[in-house]
């Protein structure tokens, strides 16, 4: 591996932020391939074994040192290509392969609905502004290329029909009033994504609930509490390692609750701390 210069420490210009795994992994994979060290993250090149650890030969010492040097350099490059808050999650990885697999396990299996939704909104809202035509086209091309990473070209009818429904969902959610931001965020982080008809019913139920409670505008307290649940509830955050996981929801496939207790589908089951938050205090 060639020595890295001071300005070449980042493996890729795309920093892993937890929402862009596919784009990041593709760029990082290509960069490591170009450095001819891909086998360190695929597991093909493992740490050299030693016949007698207490009496290593000079060749064994040199081989082990070379392997460790390259391995640690790759770990450094990968970590520097992550946002600091994400990098902190993987600081204990001992090998590049271990790090790569840990990142894949945490982010690679997720359906990136939120990121797809965000990209589609950015593409739709992209304007030339003060940029040159070349810069404007370049920005559009970059976003569309990233979107194709999450939505590769296909002729499969089932996949195309699924994407059509997702597009209807994204368009519907994008047009909702800002007061529905917390609900919209919860929907976008639900795996699998609810159907279009389910989402329409959920929003209708939420609107009815707010009307009964004295208005359509969500209060600051309720928004704070709802956002808190998105972090605390395993239904919205499946990657918290210390959560107790004993039940599994058939609807969202996550642990910590069952479908019949999923208050996102059944609003009347919402915790009392939220349902009763405005009684007597929001008139």
Protein backbone atom coordinates (compact mmCIF):
# COMPACT_ATOMS: atom_id res chain seq x y z
CA UNK A 1 0.00 0.00 0.00
CA UNK A 2 1.39 3.38 -0.93
CA UNK A 3 2.00 5.85 1.84
CA UNK A 4 -0.83 8.30 2.36
CA UNK A 5 -0.12 11.99 2.09
CA UNK A 6 -1.44 14.54 4.55
CA UNK A 7 -4.31 15.47 2.23
CA UNK A 8 -5.19 11.91 1.24
CA UNK A 9 -6.26 10.46 4.56
CA UNK A 10 -9.97 10.30 3.70
CA UNK A 11 -10.78 7.09 1.90
CA UNK A 12 -13.76 8.68 0.15
CA UNK A 13 -15.43 12.08 -0.05
CA UNK A 14 -18.66 10.44 1.15
CA UNK A 15 -18.78 10.35 4.93
CA UNK A 16 -20.87 7.58 6.49
CA UNK A 17 -23.64 9.22 8.50
CA UNK A 18 -25.92 6.24 9.13
CA UNK A 19 -28.29 7.11 6.31
CA UNK A 20 -26.04 6.68 3.27
CA UNK A 21 -24.53 3.23 3.77
CA UNK A 22 -24.94 1.97 0.20
CA UNK A 23 -23.27 5.00 -1.37
CA UNK A 24 -20.51 5.02 1.23
CA UNK A 25 -19.84 1.27 0.98
CA UNK A 26 -19.64 1.43 -2.81
CA UNK A 27 -17.17 4.33 -2.73
CA UNK A 28 -15.08 2.78 0.06
CA UNK A 29 -14.99 -0.61 -1.66
CA UNK A 30 -13.78 0.97 -4.89
CA UNK A 31 -11.13 3.03 -3.06
CA UNK A 32 -9.74 0.00 -1.23
CA UNK A 33 -9.73 -1.98 -4.46
CA UNK A 34 -7.68 0.77 -6.07
CA UNK A 35 -5.18 0.47 -3.23
CA UNK A 36 -5.05 -3.32 -3.77
CA UNK A 37 -6.05 -4.09 -0.18
CA UNK A 38 -9.62 -5.24 -0.74
CA UNK A 39 -8.87 -8.65 0.72
CA UNK A 40 -8.47 -7.07 4.16
CA UNK A 41 -12.19 -6.22 4.35
CA UNK A 42 -13.39 -9.37 2.58
CA UNK A 43 -11.56 -11.58 5.07
CA UNK A 44 -9.39 -13.26 2.44
CA UNK A 45 -6.25 -11.91 4.10
CA UNK A 46 -6.24 -12.94 7.73
CA UNK A 47 -3.76 -12.24 10.50
CA UNK A 48 -0.74 -14.55 9.99
CA UNK A 49 -0.62 -17.58 12.23
CA UNK A 50 2.47 -18.38 14.28
CA UNK A 51 3.70 -21.91 14.93
CA UNK A 52 5.23 -21.05 18.29
CA UNK A 53 4.09 -17.67 19.71
CA UNK A 54 6.78 -17.78 22.38
CA UNK A 55 9.54 -18.30 19.86
CA UNK A 56 8.69 -16.39 16.68
CA UNK A 57 11.08 -16.50 13.78
CA UNK A 58 12.27 -13.27 12.20
CA UNK A 59 10.18 -13.98 9.11
CA UNK A 60 7.07 -14.49 11.25
CA UNK A 61 7.71 -11.26 13.13
CA UNK A 62 8.14 -9.30 9.90
CA UNK A 63 5.06 -10.85 8.28
CA UNK A 64 2.92 -10.13 11.34
CA UNK A 65 4.18 -6.56 11.52
CA UNK A 66 3.43 -5.89 7.85
CA UNK A 67 -0.05 -7.32 8.18
CA UNK A 68 -0.82 -5.30 11.30
CA UNK A 69 0.50 -2.10 9.72
CA UNK A 70 -1.75 -2.44 6.66
CA UNK A 71 -4.72 -3.56 8.73
CA UNK A 72 -4.46 -0.59 11.09
CA UNK A 73 -4.01 1.81 8.20
CA UNK A 74 -7.20 0.53 6.56
CA UNK A 75 -9.11 0.88 9.84
CA UNK A 76 -7.88 4.46 10.12
CA UNK A 77 -8.97 5.24 6.56
CA UNK A 78 -12.41 3.76 7.13
CA UNK A 79 -12.94 5.59 10.42
CA UNK A 80 -11.83 8.90 8.91
CA UNK A 81 -14.50 8.36 6.25
CA UNK A 82 -17.27 8.40 8.86
CA UNK A 83 -19.03 11.17 10.71
CA UNK A 84 -17.53 11.41 14.24
CA UNK A 85 -20.72 10.20 15.95
CA UNK A 86 -20.77 7.11 13.71
CA UNK A 87 -17.04 6.46 14.00
CA UNK A 88 -17.36 6.32 17.81
CA UNK A 89 -19.55 3.23 17.47
CA UNK A 90 -16.77 1.21 15.84
CA UNK A 91 -13.67 2.34 17.72
CA UNK A 92 -13.16 -1.08 19.33
CA UNK A 93 -12.82 -2.99 16.03
CA UNK A 94 -9.51 -4.87 15.98
CA UNK A 95 -9.39 -5.78 12.28
CA UNK A 96 -10.53 -4.09 9.08
CA UNK A 97 -12.72 -7.10 8.31
CA UNK A 98 -14.37 -6.90 11.72
CA UNK A 99 -15.02 -3.18 11.23
CA UNK A 100 -16.44 -3.63 7.74
CA UNK A 101 -18.80 -6.40 8.84
CA UNK A 102 -19.93 -4.43 11.91
CA UNK A 103 -20.86 -1.44 9.75
CA UNK A 104 -22.69 -3.71 7.29
CA UNK A 105 -24.62 -5.38 10.11
CA UNK A 106 -25.69 -2.06 11.61
CA UNK A 107 -26.58 -0.14 8.47
CA UNK A 108 -26.50 -2.46 5.47
CA UNK A 109 -29.70 -4.39 6.21
CA UNK A 110 -31.89 -1.35 6.69
CA UNK A 111 -34.42 -0.15 4.16
CA UNK A 112 -33.24 3.40 3.56
CA UNK A 113 -36.67 4.93 3.02
CA UNK A 114 -35.71 8.15 4.79
CA UNK A 115 -32.69 8.71 2.60
CA UNK A 116 -34.55 7.84 -0.61
CA UNK A 117 -37.29 10.27 0.42
CA UNK A 118 -34.72 12.97 1.16
CA UNK A 119 -32.92 12.47 -2.17
CA UNK A 120 -36.17 12.62 -4.13
CA UNK A 121 -37.13 15.84 -2.37
CA UNK A 122 -33.72 17.38 -3.04
CA UNK A 123 -33.88 16.45 -6.73
CA UNK A 124 -37.35 17.93 -7.04
CA UNK A 125 -36.35 21.14 -5.27
CA UNK A 126 -32.95 21.57 -6.96
CA UNK A 127 -32.64 25.01 -8.62
CA UNK A 128 -29.84 26.52 -10.65
CA UNK A 129 -29.69 29.72 -8.65
CA UNK A 130 -26.36 31.52 -9.03
CA UNK A 131 -24.57 28.41 -10.28
CA UNK A 132 -23.45 27.84 -13.82
CA UNK A 133 -25.39 25.39 -15.97
CA UNK A 134 -22.53 22.89 -15.64
CA UNK A 135 -22.60 23.11 -11.84
CA UNK A 136 -26.37 22.80 -11.79
CA UNK A 137 -26.36 19.72 -14.03
CA UNK A 138 -23.52 18.21 -11.99
CA UNK A 139 -25.48 18.57 -8.75
CA UNK A 140 -28.54 16.93 -10.32
CA UNK A 141 -26.48 14.12 -11.81
CA UNK A 142 -24.79 13.41 -8.47
CA UNK A 143 -28.08 13.14 -6.59
CA UNK A 144 -29.69 10.98 -9.28
CA UNK A 145 -26.67 8.67 -9.32
CA UNK A 146 -26.93 8.25 -5.55
CA UNK A 147 -30.66 7.55 -5.86
CA UNK A 148 -29.91 4.82 -8.42
CA UNK A 149 -27.61 3.22 -5.86
CA UNK A 150 -30.63 2.68 -3.64
CA UNK A 151 -32.98 2.02 -6.55
CA UNK A 152 -31.08 0.15 -9.28
CA UNK A 153 -32.63 -0.12 -12.72
CA UNK A 154 -34.91 -3.13 -12.99
CA UNK A 155 -37.57 -4.67 -15.21
CA UNK A 156 -39.09 -6.74 -12.41
CA UNK A 157 -42.80 -5.91 -12.33
CA UNK A 158 -43.19 -6.52 -8.59
CA UNK A 159 -40.30 -4.20 -7.76
CA UNK A 160 -41.62 -1.50 -10.10
CA UNK A 161 -45.09 -1.70 -8.56
CA UNK A 162 -43.58 -1.43 -5.09
CA UNK A 163 -41.62 1.66 -6.12
CA UNK A 164 -44.75 3.25 -7.58
CA UNK A 165 -46.48 2.85 -4.22
CA UNK A 166 -43.44 4.24 -2.42
CA UNK A 167 -43.47 7.26 -4.75
CA UNK A 168 -47.13 7.87 -3.91
CA UNK A 169 -46.27 7.64 -0.20
CA UNK A 170 -43.32 10.03 -0.49
CA UNK A 171 -45.38 12.57 -2.44
CA UNK A 172 -48.20 12.37 0.10
CA UNK A 173 -45.92 12.74 3.12
CA UNK A 174 -43.99 15.59 1.54
CA UNK A 175 -47.19 17.60 1.20
CA UNK A 176 -48.30 17.22 4.80
CA UNK A 177 -48.20 20.25 7.08
CA UNK A 178 -45.05 20.78 9.20
CA UNK A 179 -47.00 19.82 12.34
CA UNK A 180 -46.92 16.22 11.10
CA UNK A 181 -43.12 16.07 10.98
CA UNK A 182 -42.82 13.76 14.00
CA UNK A 183 -45.42 11.36 12.58
CA UNK A 184 -43.79 11.51 9.15
CA UNK A 185 -40.40 10.67 10.67
CA UNK A 186 -41.87 7.68 12.50
CA UNK A 187 -43.42 6.35 9.30
CA UNK A 188 -40.17 6.72 7.36
CA UNK A 189 -38.23 4.71 9.95
CA UNK A 190 -40.75 1.86 10.11
CA UNK A 191 -39.54 -1.38 8.50
CA UNK A 192 -41.24 -2.60 6.44
CA UNK A 193 -42.81 0.64 5.24
CA UNK A 194 -46.59 0.61 5.82
CA UNK A 195 -48.79 0.48 2.74
CA UNK A 196 -50.17 3.66 1.20
CA UNK A 197 -53.67 2.91 2.50
CA UNK A 198 -52.36 2.22 6.01
CA UNK A 199 -50.49 5.52 6.05
CA UNK A 200 -53.56 7.42 4.87
CA UNK A 201 -55.55 5.85 7.70
CA UNK A 202 -52.84 6.65 10.23
CA UNK A 203 -52.78 10.31 9.25
CA UNK A 204 -56.58 10.46 9.33
CA UNK A 205 -56.59 8.94 12.83
CA UNK A 206 -53.93 11.40 13.94
CA UNK A 207 -55.94 14.33 12.58
CA UNK A 208 -59.06 13.09 14.36
CA UNK A 209 -57.13 12.64 17.60
CA UNK A 210 -55.83 16.19 17.45
CA UNK A 211 -59.30 17.55 16.73
CA UNK A 212 -60.67 15.80 19.81
CA UNK A 213 -57.80 17.17 21.89
CA UNK A 214 -58.64 20.72 20.93
CA UNK A 215 -56.82 21.61 17.70
CA UNK A 216 -54.85 20.37 14.72
CA UNK A 217 -51.51 21.83 15.77
CA UNK A 218 -49.27 19.47 17.71
CA UNK A 219 -47.98 21.02 20.93
CA UNK A 220 -44.29 21.48 21.63
CA UNK A 221 -44.54 19.11 24.57
CA UNK A 222 -46.19 16.37 22.52
CA UNK A 223 -43.68 16.79 19.68
CA UNK A 224 -40.83 16.50 22.17
CA UNK A 225 -42.32 13.38 23.74
CA UNK A 226 -43.03 11.79 20.37
CA UNK A 227 -39.51 12.42 19.15
CA UNK A 228 -38.25 10.94 22.40
CA UNK A 229 -40.12 7.74 21.67
CA UNK A 230 -38.48 7.54 18.27
CA UNK A 231 -35.21 7.19 20.15
CA UNK A 232 -36.33 5.14 23.14
CA UNK A 233 -38.81 2.79 21.53
CA UNK A 234 -37.21 -0.26 19.87
CA UNK A 235 -39.88 0.03 17.22
CA UNK A 236 -38.10 3.11 15.88
CA UNK A 237 -34.51 2.34 16.78
CA UNK A 238 -33.46 -1.26 16.23
CA UNK A 239 -29.74 -0.72 16.73
CA UNK A 240 -29.60 0.11 20.44
CA UNK A 241 -27.45 -2.75 21.84
CA UNK A 242 -28.63 -2.64 25.46
CA UNK A 243 -32.37 -2.88 24.91
CA UNK A 244 -34.28 -5.84 26.30
CA UNK A 245 -35.69 -7.75 23.34
CA UNK A 246 -38.26 -10.36 24.21
CA UNK A 247 -41.14 -9.78 21.80
CA UNK A 248 -41.29 -9.30 18.04
CA UNK A 249 -43.88 -7.32 16.08
CA UNK A 250 -45.26 -9.12 13.04
CA UNK A 251 -45.94 -5.77 11.33
CA UNK A 252 -42.59 -3.98 11.58
CA UNK A 253 -40.47 -7.11 12.27
CA UNK A 254 -38.76 -5.44 15.24
CA UNK A 255 -38.38 -6.64 18.78
CA UNK A 256 -39.59 -5.11 22.02
CA UNK A 257 -43.36 -5.22 21.37
CA UNK A 258 -46.06 -7.17 19.55
CA UNK A 259 -48.26 -6.03 16.68
CA UNK A 260 -51.38 -5.81 18.87
CA UNK A 261 -49.52 -3.33 21.14
CA UNK A 262 -48.01 -1.24 18.32
CA UNK A 263 -49.48 2.17 19.19
CA UNK A 264 -48.48 3.59 15.81
CA UNK A 265 -51.12 1.30 14.26
CA UNK A 266 -53.47 1.66 17.23
CA UNK A 267 -53.29 5.28 18.49
CA UNK A 268 -55.56 4.56 21.46
CA UNK A 269 -52.72 2.45 22.88
CA UNK A 270 -50.34 5.43 22.88
CA UNK A 271 -48.68 5.85 26.33
CA UNK A 272 -50.70 7.95 28.78
CA UNK A 273 -47.79 10.36 29.20
CA UNK A 274 -48.56 11.52 25.66
CA UNK A 275 -52.30 10.92 25.41
CA UNK A 276 -52.97 12.95 28.53
CA UNK A 277 -50.27 15.54 28.11
CA UNK A 278 -52.58 18.38 27.04
CA UNK A 279 -55.54 17.78 29.33
CA UNK A 280 -56.28 20.98 31.06
CA UNK A 281 -53.22 22.68 29.74
CA UNK A 282 -53.84 23.34 26.05
CA UNK A 283 -57.09 25.10 25.57
